[in-house]
Amino acid sequence: TEGLAFPSVSRLLNEHFDIPKSQLRVRSELNGSVLEIDILGYNDDIVFVVEVKSHLREDGVKQIQDTLAKFPKFFPEHGDKRLYGM
Protein backbone atom coordinates (compact mmCIF):
# COMPACT_ATOMS: atom_id res chain seq x y z
CA THR A 1 0.00 0.00 0.00
CA GLU A 2 2.84 2.40 0.81
CA GLY A 3 4.33 1.93 -2.64
CA LEU A 4 1.03 2.73 -4.31
CA ALA A 5 0.47 5.84 -2.16
CA PHE A 6 4.03 7.18 -2.36
CA PRO A 7 3.90 9.00 -5.74
CA SER A 8 0.69 10.83 -4.85
CA VAL A 9 1.70 11.64 -1.27
CA SER A 10 5.11 12.93 -2.28
CA ARG A 11 3.56 15.13 -4.99
CA LEU A 12 0.98 16.52 -2.55
CA LEU A 13 3.64 17.25 0.07
CA ASN A 14 5.72 19.10 -2.50
CA GLU A 15 2.89 21.05 -4.14
CA HIS A 16 0.90 21.99 -1.02
CA PHE A 17 3.53 22.18 1.74
CA ASP A 18 6.80 22.92 -0.13
CA ILE A 19 8.27 19.57 0.95
CA PRO A 20 10.65 18.59 -1.89
CA LYS A 21 12.28 15.60 -0.18
CA SER A 22 10.41 12.39 0.52
CA GLN A 23 11.44 8.84 1.23
CA LEU A 24 9.57 5.56 1.26
CA ARG A 25 9.94 3.08 4.16
CA VAL A 26 12.43 4.82 6.43
CA ARG A 27 13.80 2.83 9.35
CA SER A 28 15.87 3.78 12.38
CA GLU A 29 17.30 1.58 15.13
CA LEU A 30 18.09 2.81 18.64
CA ASN A 31 19.17 0.69 21.61
CA GLY A 32 17.66 -2.46 20.13
CA SER A 33 14.33 -0.82 19.22
CA VAL A 34 13.18 -0.02 15.69
CA LEU A 35 10.97 2.77 14.38
CA GLU A 36 9.66 2.41 10.83
CA ILE A 37 8.07 5.27 8.91
CA ASP A 38 5.95 4.55 5.81
CA ILE A 39 6.72 7.90 4.14
CA LEU A 40 8.98 10.66 5.45
CA GLY A 41 8.83 14.09 3.83
CA TYR A 42 10.89 17.10 4.87
CA ASN A 43 12.47 20.44 4.07
CA ASP A 44 14.73 22.69 6.16
CA ASP A 45 11.93 23.62 8.61
CA ILE A 46 9.24 20.93 8.56
CA VAL A 47 9.05 17.15 8.68
CA PHE A 48 5.99 15.03 7.83
CA VAL A 49 5.65 11.49 9.14
CA VAL A 50 3.09 9.69 6.98
CA GLU A 51 1.46 6.44 8.06
CA VAL A 52 -0.35 4.75 5.16
CA LYS A 53 -3.51 2.79 5.98
CA SER A 54 -6.12 1.34 3.64
CA HIS A 55 -8.82 2.10 6.25
CA LEU A 56 -8.79 4.65 9.06
CA ARG A 57 -9.27 2.98 12.43
CA GLU A 58 -8.64 3.99 16.01
CA ASP A 59 -5.56 1.75 16.28
CA GLY A 60 -4.06 3.51 13.25
CA VAL A 61 -4.52 6.89 14.93
CA LYS A 62 -2.86 5.58 18.09
CA GLN A 63 -0.01 4.20 15.99
CA ILE A 64 0.77 7.59 14.38
CA GLN A 65 0.56 9.28 17.80
CA ASP A 66 3.04 6.77 19.20
CA THR A 67 5.33 7.18 16.18
CA LEU A 68 5.29 10.98 16.53
CA ALA A 69 6.15 10.71 20.24
CA LYS A 70 9.15 8.47 19.48
CA PHE A 71 10.29 10.29 16.33
CA PRO A 72 12.65 12.89 17.92
CA LYS A 73 14.66 10.18 19.70
CA PHE A 74 15.01 8.01 16.59
CA PHE A 75 15.62 10.87 14.12
CA PRO A 76 17.56 13.58 16.03
CA GLU A 77 18.73 15.10 12.73
CA HIS A 78 15.18 16.48 12.36
CA GLY A 79 14.90 17.62 15.98
CA ASP A 80 14.81 21.34 15.20
CA LYS A 81 11.95 21.02 12.69
CA ARG A 82 8.19 21.31 13.15
CA LEU A 83 6.75 17.80 13.19
CA TYR A 84 3.45 16.82 11.57
CA GLY A 85 1.73 13.47 11.29
CA MET A 86 -0.40 12.41 8.37
C-alpha atoms as a PDB file:
ATOM      1  CA  THR A   1       0.000   0.000   0.000  1.00  0.00           C
ATOM      2  CA  GLU A   2       2.835   2.396   0.813  1.00  0.00           C
ATOM      3  CA  GLY A   3       4.328   1.932  -2.640  1.00  0.00           C
ATOM      4  CA  LEU A   4       1.026   2.735  -4.311  1.00  0.00           C
ATOM      5  CA  ALA A   5       0.473   5.838  -2.162  1.00  0.00           C
ATOM      6  CA  PHE A   6       4.025   7.179  -2.363  1.00  0.00           C
ATOM      7  CA  PRO A   7       3.901   8.996  -5.743  1.00  0.00           C
ATOM      8  CA  SER A   8       0.689  10.827  -4.845  1.00  0.00           C
ATOM      9  CA  VAL A   9       1.703  11.641  -1.270  1.00  0.00           C
ATOM     10  CA  SER A  10       5.115  12.933  -2.283  1.00  0.00           C
ATOM     11  CA  ARG A  11       3.559  15.126  -4.994  1.00  0.00           C
ATOM     12  CA  LEU A  12       0.976  16.525  -2.551  1.00  0.00           C
ATOM     13  CA  LEU A  13       3.636  17.255   0.072  1.00  0.00           C
ATOM     14  CA  ASN A  14       5.717  19.103  -2.502  1.00  0.00           C
ATOM     15  CA  GLU A  15       2.886  21.050  -4.144  1.00  0.00           C
ATOM     16  CA  HIS A  16       0.903  21.995  -1.018  1.00  0.00           C
ATOM     17  CA  PHE A  17       3.526  22.175   1.737  1.00  0.00           C
ATOM     18  CA  ASP A  18       6.799  22.918  -0.126  1.00  0.00           C
ATOM     19  CA  ILE A  19       8.271  19.568   0.947  1.00  0.00           C
ATOM     20  CA  PRO A  20      10.645  18.586  -1.891  1.00  0.00           C
ATOM     21  CA  LYS A  21      12.282  15.599  -0.181  1.00  0.00           C
ATOM     22  CA  SER A  22      10.405  12.394   0.515  1.00  0.00           C
ATOM     23  CA  GLN A  23      11.443   8.838   1.226  1.00  0.00           C
ATOM     24  CA  LEU A  24       9.573   5.562   1.265  1.00  0.00           C
ATOM     25  CA  ARG A  25       9.940   3.083   4.161  1.00  0.00           C
ATOM     26  CA  VAL A  26      12.425   4.824   6.433  1.00  0.00           C
ATOM     27  CA  ARG A  27      13.795   2.831   9.349  1.00  0.00           C
ATOM     28  CA  SER A  28      15.874   3.783  12.377  1.00  0.00           C
ATOM     29  CA  GLU A  29      17.299   1.582  15.129  1.00  0.00           C
ATOM     30  CA  LEU A  30      18.086   2.807  18.644  1.00  0.00           C
ATOM     31  CA  ASN A  31      19.170   0.692  21.613  1.00  0.00           C
ATOM     32  CA  GLY A  32      17.664  -2.465  20.128  1.00  0.00           C
ATOM     33  CA  SER A  33      14.335  -0.816  19.221  1.00  0.00           C
ATOM     34  CA  VAL A  34      13.181  -0.024  15.690  1.00  0.00           C
ATOM     35  CA  LEU A  35      10.971   2.773  14.383  1.00  0.00           C
ATOM     36  CA  GLU A  36       9.656   2.414  10.835  1.00  0.00           C
ATOM     37  CA  ILE A  37       8.071   5.270   8.905  1.00  0.00           C
ATOM     38  CA  ASP A  38       5.952   4.549   5.809  1.00  0.00           C
ATOM     39  CA  ILE A  39       6.723   7.895   4.136  1.00  0.00           C
ATOM     40  CA  LEU A  40       8.977  10.659   5.450  1.00  0.00           C
ATOM     41  CA  GLY A  41       8.830  14.090   3.831  1.00  0.00           C
ATOM     42  CA  TYR A  42      10.885  17.104   4.870  1.00  0.00           C
ATOM     43  CA  ASN A  43      12.467  20.435   4.066  1.00  0.00           C
ATOM     44  CA  ASP A  44      14.732  22.690   6.164  1.00  0.00           C
ATOM     45  CA  ASP A  45      11.934  23.620   8.609  1.00  0.00           C
ATOM     46  CA  ILE A  46       9.238  20.931   8.557  1.00  0.00           C
ATOM     47  CA  VAL A  47       9.047  17.147   8.685  1.00  0.00           C
ATOM     48  CA  PHE A  48       5.992  15.030   7.829  1.00  0.00           C
ATOM     49  CA  VAL A  49       5.649  11.487   9.139  1.00  0.00           C
ATOM     50  CA  VAL A  50       3.088   9.688   6.975  1.00  0.00           C
ATOM     51  CA  GLU A  51       1.459   6.438   8.056  1.00  0.00           C
ATOM     52  CA  VAL A  52      -0.351   4.752   5.164  1.00  0.00           C
ATOM     53  CA  LYS A  53      -3.507   2.785   5.975  1.00  0.00           C
ATOM     54  CA  SER A  54      -6.115   1.343   3.642  1.00  0.00           C
ATOM     55  CA  HIS A  55      -8.820   2.099   6.246  1.00  0.00           C
ATOM     56  CA  LEU A  56      -8.792   4.646   9.056  1.00  0.00           C
ATOM     57  CA  ARG A  57      -9.270   2.976  12.425  1.00  0.00           C
ATOM     58  CA  GLU A  58      -8.637   3.989  16.011  1.00  0.00           C
ATOM     59  CA  ASP A  59      -5.562   1.748  16.283  1.00  0.00           C
ATOM     60  CA  GLY A  60      -4.057   3.508  13.254  1.00  0.00           C
ATOM     61  CA  VAL A  61      -4.525   6.894  14.930  1.00  0.00           C
ATOM     62  CA  LYS A  62      -2.858   5.575  18.087  1.00  0.00           C
ATOM     63  CA  GLN A  63      -0.010   4.204  15.990  1.00  0.00           C
ATOM     64  CA  ILE A  64       0.774   7.585  14.382  1.00  0.00           C
ATOM     65  CA  GLN A  65       0.563   9.276  17.797  1.00  0.00           C
ATOM     66  CA  ASP A  66       3.045   6.767  19.196  1.00  0.00           C
ATOM     67  CA  THR A  67       5.328   7.184  16.182  1.00  0.00           C
ATOM     68  CA  LEU A  68       5.291  10.981  16.534  1.00  0.00           C
ATOM     69  CA  ALA A  69       6.151  10.713  20.238  1.00  0.00           C
ATOM     70  CA  LYS A  70       9.151   8.472  19.477  1.00  0.00           C
ATOM     71  CA  PHE A  71      10.287  10.293  16.330  1.00  0.00           C
ATOM     72  CA  PRO A  72      12.650  12.887  17.920  1.00  0.00           C
ATOM     73  CA  LYS A  73      14.656  10.175  19.696  1.00  0.00           C
ATOM     74  CA  PHE A  74      15.014   8.008  16.589  1.00  0.00           C
ATOM     75  CA  PHE A  75      15.624  10.872  14.124  1.00  0.00           C
ATOM     76  CA  PRO A  76      17.561  13.578  16.027  1.00  0.00           C
ATOM     77  CA  GLU A  77      18.732  15.101  12.726  1.00  0.00           C
ATOM     78  CA  HIS A  78      15.179  16.476  12.359  1.00  0.00           C
ATOM     79  CA  GLY A  79      14.903  17.623  15.984  1.00  0.00           C
ATOM     80  CA  ASP A  80      14.810  21.343  15.200  1.00  0.00           C
ATOM     81  CA  LYS A  81      11.948  21.022  12.688  1.00  0.00           C
ATOM     82  CA  ARG A  82       8.186  21.308  13.147  1.00  0.00           C
ATOM     83  CA  LEU A  83       6.748  17.803  13.193  1.00  0.00           C
ATOM     84  CA  TYR A  84       3.446  16.824  11.567  1.00  0.00           C
ATOM     85  CA  GLY A  85       1.730  13.474  11.287  1.00  0.00           C
ATOM     86  CA  MET A  86      -0.401  12.407   8.373  1.00  0.00           C
END
